Structure formats: C-alpha cells, structure tokens
C-alpha atoms as a PDB file:
ATOM      1  CA  UNK A   1     -11.562  -5.907  23.331  1.00  0.00           C
ATOM      2  CA  UNK A   2     -10.084  -8.379  21.019  1.00  0.00           C
ATOM      3  CA  UNK A   3      -7.559 -10.872  22.410  1.00  0.00           C
ATOM      4  CA  UNK A   4      -5.471 -12.953  20.263  1.00  0.00           C
ATOM      5  CA  UNK A   5      -2.479 -15.121  20.384  1.00  0.00           C
ATOM      6  CA  UNK A   6       0.661 -13.853  18.709  1.00  0.00           C
ATOM      7  CA  UNK A   7       1.542 -15.734  15.271  1.00  0.00           C
ATOM      8  CA  UNK A   8       5.120 -15.591  16.052  1.00  0.00           C
ATOM      9  CA  UNK A   9       5.576 -16.355  19.865  1.00  0.00           C
ATOM     10  CA  UNK A  10       2.068 -17.444  20.958  1.00  0.00           C
ATOM     11  CA  UNK A  11       1.611 -15.048  23.810  1.00  0.00           C
ATOM     12  CA  UNK A  12      -1.723 -13.493  24.333  1.00  0.00           C
ATOM     13  CA  UNK A  13      -2.150  -9.816  23.380  1.00  0.00           C
ATOM     14  CA  UNK A  14      -4.845  -7.229  22.934  1.00  0.00           C
ATOM     15  CA  UNK A  15      -5.055  -6.961  19.242  1.00  0.00           C
ATOM     16  CA  UNK A  16      -5.891  -3.644  17.635  1.00  0.00           C
ATOM     17  CA  UNK A  17      -4.965  -3.594  13.845  1.00  0.00           C
ATOM     18  CA  UNK A  18      -2.336  -4.900  11.470  1.00  0.00           C
ATOM     19  CA  UNK A  19      -0.865  -8.216  11.719  1.00  0.00           C
ATOM     20  CA  UNK A  20      -1.562 -10.480  14.586  1.00  0.00           C
ATOM     21  CA  UNK A  21       1.664 -10.269  16.399  1.00  0.00           C
ATOM     22  CA  UNK A  22       2.348  -8.961  19.805  1.00  0.00           C
ATOM     23  CA  UNK A  23       4.027  -5.623  20.674  1.00  0.00           C
ATOM     24  CA  UNK A  24       7.369  -7.321  21.646  1.00  0.00           C
ATOM     25  CA  UNK A  25       7.445  -9.384  18.296  1.00  0.00           C
ATOM     26  CA  UNK A  26       6.520  -6.289  16.331  1.00  0.00           C
ATOM     27  CA  UNK A  27       9.420  -4.371  17.640  1.00  0.00           C
ATOM     28  CA  UNK A  28      11.823  -7.319  16.832  1.00  0.00           C
ATOM     29  CA  UNK A  29      10.363  -7.548  13.450  1.00  0.00           C
ATOM     30  CA  UNK A  30      10.934  -3.794  12.758  1.00  0.00           C
ATOM     31  CA  UNK A  31      14.545  -3.946  14.241  1.00  0.00           C
ATOM     32  CA  UNK A  32      14.984  -6.905  11.578  1.00  0.00           C
ATOM     33  CA  UNK A  33      13.384  -4.726   8.833  1.00  0.00           C
ATOM     34  CA  UNK A  34      15.841  -1.890   9.633  1.00  0.00           C
ATOM     35  CA  UNK A  35      18.786  -4.280   9.400  1.00  0.00           C
ATOM     36  CA  UNK A  36      17.565  -5.664   6.017  1.00  0.00           C
ATOM     37  CA  UNK A  37      16.922  -2.302   4.786  1.00  0.00           C
ATOM     38  CA  UNK A  38      20.553  -1.178   5.553  1.00  0.00           C
ATOM     39  CA  UNK A  39      21.965  -4.357   4.048  1.00  0.00           C
ATOM     40  CA  UNK A  40      20.122  -3.611   0.738  1.00  0.00           C
ATOM     41  CA  UNK A  41      21.202  -0.137   0.771  1.00  0.00           C
ATOM     42  CA  UNK A  42      24.774  -1.076   1.208  1.00  0.00           C
ATOM     43  CA  UNK A  43      24.673  -4.072  -1.196  1.00  0.00           C
ATOM     44  CA  UNK A  44      22.581  -2.731  -4.204  1.00  0.00           C
ATOM     45  CA  UNK A  45      22.756  -5.839  -6.424  1.00  0.00           C
ATOM     46  CA  UNK A  46      21.992  -8.571  -3.584  1.00  0.00           C
ATOM     47  CA  UNK A  47      19.313 -11.065  -4.110  1.00  0.00           C
ATOM     48  CA  UNK A  48      16.490 -12.024  -1.922  1.00  0.00           C
ATOM     49  CA  UNK A  49      18.357 -15.326  -0.985  1.00  0.00           C
ATOM     50  CA  UNK A  50      21.768 -13.596  -0.200  1.00  0.00           C
ATOM     51  CA  UNK A  51      19.827 -10.790   1.921  1.00  0.00           C
ATOM     52  CA  UNK A  52      17.995 -13.505   3.995  1.00  0.00           C
ATOM     53  CA  UNK A  53      21.060 -15.681   4.697  1.00  0.00           C
ATOM     54  CA  UNK A  54      23.159 -12.330   5.539  1.00  0.00           C
ATOM     55  CA  UNK A  55      20.326 -10.975   7.897  1.00  0.00           C
ATOM     56  CA  UNK A  56      19.047 -14.143   9.211  1.00  0.00           C
ATOM     57  CA  UNK A  57      15.554 -13.612   8.190  1.00  0.00           C
ATOM     58  CA  UNK A  58      13.103 -15.816   6.090  1.00  0.00           C
ATOM     59  CA  UNK A  59      12.853 -15.286   2.334  1.00  0.00           C
ATOM     60  CA  UNK A  60       8.905 -15.019   2.599  1.00  0.00           C
ATOM     61  CA  UNK A  61       9.424 -12.096   5.124  1.00  0.00           C
ATOM     62  CA  UNK A  62      11.517 -10.175   2.526  1.00  0.00           C
ATOM     63  CA  UNK A  63       9.259 -10.545  -0.315  1.00  0.00           C
ATOM     64  CA  UNK A  64       6.322  -9.625   2.044  1.00  0.00           C
ATOM     65  CA  UNK A  65       8.000  -6.263   2.610  1.00  0.00           C
ATOM     66  CA  UNK A  66       8.621  -5.919  -0.966  1.00  0.00           C
ATOM     67  CA  UNK A  67       5.054  -6.574  -1.881  1.00  0.00           C
ATOM     68  CA  UNK A  68       4.029  -3.911   0.851  1.00  0.00           C
ATOM     69  CA  UNK A  69       6.346  -1.565  -0.925  1.00  0.00           C
ATOM     70  CA  UNK A  70       8.417  -1.204   2.242  1.00  0.00           C
ATOM     71  CA  UNK A  71      11.659  -2.530   0.572  1.00  0.00           C
ATOM     72  CA  UNK A  72      12.861  -1.572  -2.776  1.00  0.00           C
ATOM     73  CA  UNK A  73      15.557  -3.513  -4.710  1.00  0.00           C
ATOM     74  CA  UNK A  74      17.827  -1.574  -7.330  1.00  0.00           C
ATOM     75  CA  UNK A  75      17.254  -4.267  -9.836  1.00  0.00           C
ATOM     76  CA  UNK A  76      13.902  -5.962 -10.531  1.00  0.00           C
ATOM     77  CA  UNK A  77      15.557  -9.327 -11.071  1.00  0.00           C
ATOM     78  CA  UNK A  78      17.299  -9.291  -7.680  1.00  0.00           C
ATOM     79  CA  UNK A  79      13.889  -9.147  -5.824  1.00  0.00           C
ATOM     80  CA  UNK A  80      12.666 -12.225  -7.682  1.00  0.00           C
ATOM     81  CA  UNK A  81       9.153 -10.542  -7.469  1.00  0.00           C
ATOM     82  CA  UNK A  82       6.880 -11.061 -10.577  1.00  0.00           C
ATOM     83  CA  UNK A  83       4.087  -8.757 -11.467  1.00  0.00           C
ATOM     84  CA  UNK A  84       0.684 -10.346 -10.700  1.00  0.00           C
ATOM     85  CA  UNK A  85      -0.886  -9.030 -13.609  1.00  0.00           C
ATOM     86  CA  UNK A  86       1.604  -9.874 -16.569  1.00  0.00           C
ATOM     87  CA  UNK A  87       4.577 -11.858 -14.726  1.00  0.00           C
ATOM     88  CA  UNK A  88       7.191  -9.253 -15.609  1.00  0.00           C
ATOM     89  CA  UNK A  89       9.952  -8.827 -13.041  1.00  0.00           C
ATOM     90  CA  UNK A  90       9.413  -5.836 -10.622  1.00  0.00           C
ATOM     91  CA  UNK A  91      11.454  -4.281  -7.863  1.00  0.00           C
ATOM     92  CA  UNK A  92       8.631  -3.588  -5.501  1.00  0.00           C
ATOM     93  CA  UNK A  93       4.878  -3.851  -5.014  1.00  0.00           C
ATOM     94  CA  UNK A  94       2.478  -6.246  -6.624  1.00  0.00           C
ATOM     95  CA  UNK A  95       2.007  -4.939 -10.174  1.00  0.00           C
ATOM     96  CA  UNK A  96       4.396  -3.427 -12.710  1.00  0.00           C
ATOM     97  CA  UNK A  97       3.965   0.217 -14.181  1.00  0.00           C
ATOM     98  CA  UNK A  98       2.026  -0.974 -17.189  1.00  0.00           C
ATOM     99  CA  UNK A  99      -0.498  -2.877 -15.306  1.00  0.00           C
ATOM    100  CA  UNK A 100      -0.999  -0.252 -12.706  1.00  0.00           C
ATOM    101  CA  UNK A 101      -1.396   2.187 -15.489  1.00  0.00           C
ATOM    102  CA  UNK A 102      -4.201  -0.062 -17.273  1.00  0.00           C
ATOM    103  CA  UNK A 103      -5.903  -0.677 -14.056  1.00  0.00           C
ATOM    104  CA  UNK A 104      -6.163   2.934 -13.182  1.00  0.00           C
ATOM    105  CA  UNK A 105      -7.512   3.870 -16.818  1.00  0.00           C
ATOM    106  CA  UNK A 106     -10.057   0.968 -16.710  1.00  0.00           C
ATOM    107  CA  UNK A 107     -11.316   2.119 -13.384  1.00  0.00           C
ATOM    108  CA  UNK A 108     -11.310   5.647 -14.522  1.00  0.00           C
ATOM    109  CA  UNK A 109     -13.594   4.507 -17.501  1.00  0.00           C
ATOM    110  CA  UNK A 110     -15.973   2.993 -15.007  1.00  0.00           C
ATOM    111  CA  UNK A 111     -16.877   6.158 -13.164  1.00  0.00           C
ATOM    112  CA  UNK A 112     -19.248   8.579 -14.916  1.00  0.00           C
ATOM    113  CA  UNK A 113     -17.779  11.991 -15.413  1.00  0.00           C
ATOM    114  CA  UNK A 114     -19.830  14.643 -13.693  1.00  0.00           C
ATOM    115  CA  UNK A 115     -20.834  17.451 -15.618  1.00  0.00           C
ATOM    116  CA  UNK A 116     -20.479  20.793 -14.130  1.00  0.00           C
ATOM    117  CA  UNK A 117     -23.860  22.401 -13.896  1.00  0.00           C
ATOM    118  CA  UNK A 118     -23.980  26.223 -14.272  1.00  0.00           C
ATOM    119  CA  UNK A 119     -26.206  27.944 -11.790  1.00  0.00           C
ATOM    120  CA  UNK A 120     -29.699  29.007 -13.545  1.00  0.00           C
ATOM    121  CA  UNK A 121     -30.189  32.486 -13.778  1.00  0.00           C
ATOM    122  CA  UNK A 122     -32.510  33.883 -10.957  1.00  0.00           C
ATOM    123  CA  UNK A 123     -35.960  34.470 -12.198  1.00  0.00           C
ATOM    124  CA  UNK A 124     -38.153  37.485 -10.833  1.00  0.00           C
ATOM    125  CA  UNK A 125     -40.692  36.102  -8.550  1.00  0.00           C
ATOM    126  CA  UNK A 126     -44.027  37.816  -9.289  1.00  0.00           C
ATOM    127  CA  UNK A 127     -45.871  36.301  -6.490  1.00  0.00           C
ATOM    128  CA  UNK A 128     -43.838  38.403  -3.889  1.00  0.00           C
ATOM    129  CA  UNK A 129     -45.596  40.694  -1.297  1.00  0.00           C
ATOM    130  CA  UNK A 130     -45.856  44.398  -2.239  1.00  0.00           C
ATOM    131  CA  UNK A 131     -46.091  47.482  -0.233  1.00  0.00           C
ATOM    132  CA  UNK A 132     -47.969  50.453  -1.309  1.00  0.00           C
ATOM    133  CA  UNK A 133     -46.615  54.017  -0.342  1.00  0.00           C
ATOM    134  CA  UNK A 134     -49.217  56.144   1.291  1.00  0.00           C
END
C-alpha cells in the first residue's frame, strides 16, 4: 500500500499509478481538460496563452497535455511547443515527424535482423529398432 500526499490539494490518498494526485483532483483535472479541449475545437487558431486565460488553467498544464499528445492544436505555432530534437514548432507530442522517423530508423538499425531458418530435412535414422516377421 503506497500512501502519498496529493500534489494539488495536499490530502493523503492511496497512490496506485500515474500522477500523484488524489481521485477528487484527478476528476477536476479531467473536467478542466474537457473544457480546454472543447475551447480548442471551437477556436482552432487560439494560442496557449489565450486558451489558458479563457479556461482559467495554467499554461504549463496545457503544454503538458500537448506533450502527452492528449491535445492537438491546428497550427504548430499556436501551441508554442518545440521539437526536443531539432527545435521546429510542432502541434503535439515531443518530436516532429522528421525526428520521429530518424529515431525509428536508428533504432531499427540497432536490432539485428533475424534470418528465417528453414527446417532441415528429416534424416533416416538407421539406429531404430527393427522387427522381423516370423
């Protein structure tokens, strides 16, 4: 049993996985997320600052949701999020498509390719027991 204090309200709760926040705060955060998501859907070109002011949520929280790929802005510049690899503006996540592709190809290059082995033909076993007909 892992007991922790909630990062938002300070109450003690039984921590299982994920963010260290209590169930009540988690529900409130999810409601806020839905509100932010609806605002972004209605106002496609809104910036992070505008969304934060209108929805009364911190900009850092919005950026975290974008990094987790829970939120996607229609324009990469509106999100204000930069690729961690090359610094290009991105709409969601941590890396741009070019950096994702290069990372995947470099990881694929590290893994040795398995050769498909054909089953060997069965050999006749001469050491088998034989029966004589009488």
